[in-house]
Amino acid sequence: MNWGYISAFWTTVVMNCVQPVNWEACLPVHQWLFPAIGDYITFREGIYASEKRALEQFRLDGGQAKFGRRTNP
Protein backbone atom coordinates (compact mmCIF):
# COMPACT_ATOMS: atom_id res chain seq x y z
CA MET A 1 0.00 0.00 0.00
CA ASN A 2 1.22 3.44 -0.87
CA TRP A 3 1.85 6.05 1.84
CA GLY A 4 -0.12 8.55 -0.23
CA TYR A 5 -3.29 6.48 0.22
CA ILE A 6 -2.72 6.19 3.95
CA SER A 7 -2.08 9.91 4.25
CA ALA A 8 -5.19 10.76 2.22
CA PHE A 9 -7.31 8.36 4.29
CA TRP A 10 -5.99 9.87 7.51
CA THR A 11 -6.58 13.50 6.52
CA THR A 12 -9.94 12.91 4.86
CA VAL A 13 -11.65 10.24 6.94
CA VAL A 14 -10.03 10.02 10.34
CA MET A 15 -9.59 13.74 10.96
CA ASN A 16 -13.15 14.50 9.82
CA CYS A 17 -14.69 11.65 11.83
CA VAL A 18 -13.02 12.87 15.03
CA GLN A 19 -15.26 15.92 15.03
CA PRO A 20 -18.56 15.31 16.86
CA VAL A 21 -20.53 17.07 14.11
CA ASN A 22 -19.62 14.27 11.67
CA TRP A 23 -20.23 11.30 13.98
CA GLU A 24 -23.68 10.66 12.55
CA ALA A 25 -22.24 10.17 9.05
CA CYS A 26 -19.12 8.31 10.18
CA LEU A 27 -20.71 5.92 12.64
CA PRO A 28 -22.29 3.43 10.20
CA VAL A 29 -18.88 2.12 9.08
CA HIS A 30 -20.38 -0.86 7.26
CA GLN A 31 -22.12 1.50 4.83
CA TRP A 32 -19.03 3.32 3.58
CA LEU A 33 -15.83 1.49 4.54
CA PHE A 34 -16.49 -1.99 3.15
CA PRO A 35 -17.71 -0.72 -0.26
CA ALA A 36 -14.69 1.59 -0.39
CA ILE A 37 -12.35 -1.36 0.22
CA GLY A 38 -14.08 -3.28 -2.57
CA ASP A 39 -13.70 -0.31 -4.91
CA TYR A 40 -10.01 -0.04 -4.02
CA ILE A 41 -9.43 -3.73 -4.79
CA THR A 42 -11.24 -3.38 -8.12
CA PHE A 43 -9.17 -0.30 -8.94
CA ARG A 44 -5.89 -2.04 -8.08
CA GLU A 45 -6.83 -5.05 -10.22
CA GLY A 46 -7.60 -2.79 -13.15
CA ILE A 47 -10.81 -1.09 -14.05
CA TYR A 48 -11.38 -3.15 -17.19
CA ALA A 49 -9.73 -6.39 -16.02
CA SER A 50 -12.93 -8.44 -16.13
CA GLU A 51 -13.74 -7.18 -19.65
CA LYS A 52 -10.20 -7.99 -20.77
CA ARG A 53 -10.47 -11.54 -19.42
CA ALA A 54 -13.82 -12.02 -21.18
CA LEU A 55 -12.45 -10.80 -24.50
CA GLU A 56 -9.35 -12.98 -24.24
CA GLN A 57 -11.57 -16.05 -24.03
CA PHE A 58 -12.98 -15.26 -27.49
CA ARG A 59 -9.64 -14.74 -29.23
CA LEU A 60 -8.62 -17.51 -31.59
CA ASP A 61 -5.10 -17.67 -30.19
CA GLY A 62 -6.34 -17.77 -26.59
CA GLY A 63 -4.82 -14.38 -25.82
CA GLN A 64 -1.25 -15.57 -26.39
CA ALA A 65 -0.21 -13.21 -29.20
CA LYS A 66 0.67 -9.59 -28.47
CA PHE A 67 -1.24 -6.84 -30.19
CA GLY A 68 0.40 -5.39 -33.26
CA ARG A 69 2.24 -8.60 -34.16
CA ARG A 70 1.31 -11.05 -36.84
CA THR A 71 0.86 -14.60 -35.65
CA ASN A 72 1.38 -16.22 -39.08
CA PRO A 73 4.13 -14.44 -41.07
C-alpha atoms as a PDB file:
ATOM      1  CA  MET A   1       0.000   0.000   0.000  1.00  0.00           C
ATOM      2  CA  ASN A   2       1.221   3.437  -0.872  1.00  0.00           C
ATOM      3  CA  TRP A   3       1.848   6.045   1.838  1.00  0.00           C
ATOM      4  CA  GLY A   4      -0.122   8.547  -0.232  1.00  0.00           C
ATOM      5  CA  TYR A   5      -3.291   6.480   0.223  1.00  0.00           C
ATOM      6  CA  ILE A   6      -2.723   6.189   3.953  1.00  0.00           C
ATOM      7  CA  SER A   7      -2.083   9.914   4.252  1.00  0.00           C
ATOM      8  CA  ALA A   8      -5.190  10.756   2.215  1.00  0.00           C
ATOM      9  CA  PHE A   9      -7.309   8.363   4.291  1.00  0.00           C
ATOM     10  CA  TRP A  10      -5.986   9.873   7.510  1.00  0.00           C
ATOM     11  CA  THR A  11      -6.579  13.497   6.517  1.00  0.00           C
ATOM     12  CA  THR A  12      -9.942  12.911   4.863  1.00  0.00           C
ATOM     13  CA  VAL A  13     -11.652  10.240   6.941  1.00  0.00           C
ATOM     14  CA  VAL A  14     -10.028  10.021  10.345  1.00  0.00           C
ATOM     15  CA  MET A  15      -9.591  13.741  10.957  1.00  0.00           C
ATOM     16  CA  ASN A  16     -13.149  14.498   9.819  1.00  0.00           C
ATOM     17  CA  CYS A  17     -14.690  11.648  11.827  1.00  0.00           C
ATOM     18  CA  VAL A  18     -13.023  12.867  15.034  1.00  0.00           C
ATOM     19  CA  GLN A  19     -15.264  15.921  15.028  1.00  0.00           C
ATOM     20  CA  PRO A  20     -18.565  15.305  16.860  1.00  0.00           C
ATOM     21  CA  VAL A  21     -20.528  17.066  14.111  1.00  0.00           C
ATOM     22  CA  ASN A  22     -19.624  14.271  11.669  1.00  0.00           C
ATOM     23  CA  TRP A  23     -20.226  11.299  13.982  1.00  0.00           C
ATOM     24  CA  GLU A  24     -23.682  10.661  12.547  1.00  0.00           C
ATOM     25  CA  ALA A  25     -22.235  10.171   9.049  1.00  0.00           C
ATOM     26  CA  CYS A  26     -19.116   8.314  10.183  1.00  0.00           C
ATOM     27  CA  LEU A  27     -20.711   5.923  12.644  1.00  0.00           C
ATOM     28  CA  PRO A  28     -22.292   3.433  10.198  1.00  0.00           C
ATOM     29  CA  VAL A  29     -18.885   2.121   9.084  1.00  0.00           C
ATOM     30  CA  HIS A  30     -20.379  -0.863   7.262  1.00  0.00           C
ATOM     31  CA  GLN A  31     -22.119   1.503   4.833  1.00  0.00           C
ATOM     32  CA  TRP A  32     -19.030   3.323   3.582  1.00  0.00           C
ATOM     33  CA  LEU A  33     -15.828   1.494   4.541  1.00  0.00           C
ATOM     34  CA  PHE A  34     -16.492  -1.986   3.154  1.00  0.00           C
ATOM     35  CA  PRO A  35     -17.712  -0.724  -0.257  1.00  0.00           C
ATOM     36  CA  ALA A  36     -14.687   1.593  -0.391  1.00  0.00           C
ATOM     37  CA  ILE A  37     -12.355  -1.359   0.220  1.00  0.00           C
ATOM     38  CA  GLY A  38     -14.084  -3.281  -2.571  1.00  0.00           C
ATOM     39  CA  ASP A  39     -13.699  -0.311  -4.910  1.00  0.00           C
ATOM     40  CA  TYR A  40     -10.011  -0.038  -4.016  1.00  0.00           C
ATOM     41  CA  ILE A  41      -9.426  -3.726  -4.785  1.00  0.00           C
ATOM     42  CA  THR A  42     -11.236  -3.378  -8.116  1.00  0.00           C
ATOM     43  CA  PHE A  43      -9.172  -0.300  -8.944  1.00  0.00           C
ATOM     44  CA  ARG A  44      -5.889  -2.042  -8.078  1.00  0.00           C
ATOM     45  CA  GLU A  45      -6.831  -5.048 -10.219  1.00  0.00           C
ATOM     46  CA  GLY A  46      -7.604  -2.794 -13.149  1.00  0.00           C
ATOM     47  CA  ILE A  47     -10.812  -1.086 -14.052  1.00  0.00           C
ATOM     48  CA  TYR A  48     -11.376  -3.146 -17.190  1.00  0.00           C
ATOM     49  CA  ALA A  49      -9.730  -6.387 -16.018  1.00  0.00           C
ATOM     50  CA  SER A  50     -12.935  -8.444 -16.135  1.00  0.00           C
ATOM     51  CA  GLU A  51     -13.744  -7.183 -19.648  1.00  0.00           C
ATOM     52  CA  LYS A  52     -10.198  -7.985 -20.768  1.00  0.00           C
ATOM     53  CA  ARG A  53     -10.469 -11.544 -19.419  1.00  0.00           C
ATOM     54  CA  ALA A  54     -13.816 -12.019 -21.176  1.00  0.00           C
ATOM     55  CA  LEU A  55     -12.449 -10.795 -24.502  1.00  0.00           C
ATOM     56  CA  GLU A  56      -9.350 -12.980 -24.236  1.00  0.00           C
ATOM     57  CA  GLN A  57     -11.572 -16.054 -24.029  1.00  0.00           C
ATOM     58  CA  PHE A  58     -12.975 -15.264 -27.488  1.00  0.00           C
ATOM     59  CA  ARG A  59      -9.642 -14.735 -29.227  1.00  0.00           C
ATOM     60  CA  LEU A  60      -8.618 -17.513 -31.587  1.00  0.00           C
ATOM     61  CA  ASP A  61      -5.100 -17.667 -30.189  1.00  0.00           C
ATOM     62  CA  GLY A  62      -6.339 -17.768 -26.588  1.00  0.00           C
ATOM     63  CA  GLY A  63      -4.821 -14.381 -25.816  1.00  0.00           C
ATOM     64  CA  GLN A  64      -1.250 -15.565 -26.394  1.00  0.00           C
ATOM     65  CA  ALA A  65      -0.212 -13.208 -29.197  1.00  0.00           C
ATOM     66  CA  LYS A  66       0.674  -9.589 -28.474  1.00  0.00           C
ATOM     67  CA  PHE A  67      -1.242  -6.837 -30.194  1.00  0.00           C
ATOM     68  CA  GLY A  68       0.400  -5.392 -33.263  1.00  0.00           C
ATOM     69  CA  ARG A  69       2.244  -8.602 -34.161  1.00  0.00           C
ATOM     70  CA  ARG A  70       1.312 -11.050 -36.837  1.00  0.00           C
ATOM     71  CA  THR A  71       0.859 -14.604 -35.645  1.00  0.00           C
ATOM     72  CA  ASN A  72       1.375 -16.216 -39.078  1.00  0.00           C
ATOM     73  CA  PRO A  73       4.132 -14.436 -41.067  1.00  0.00           C
END
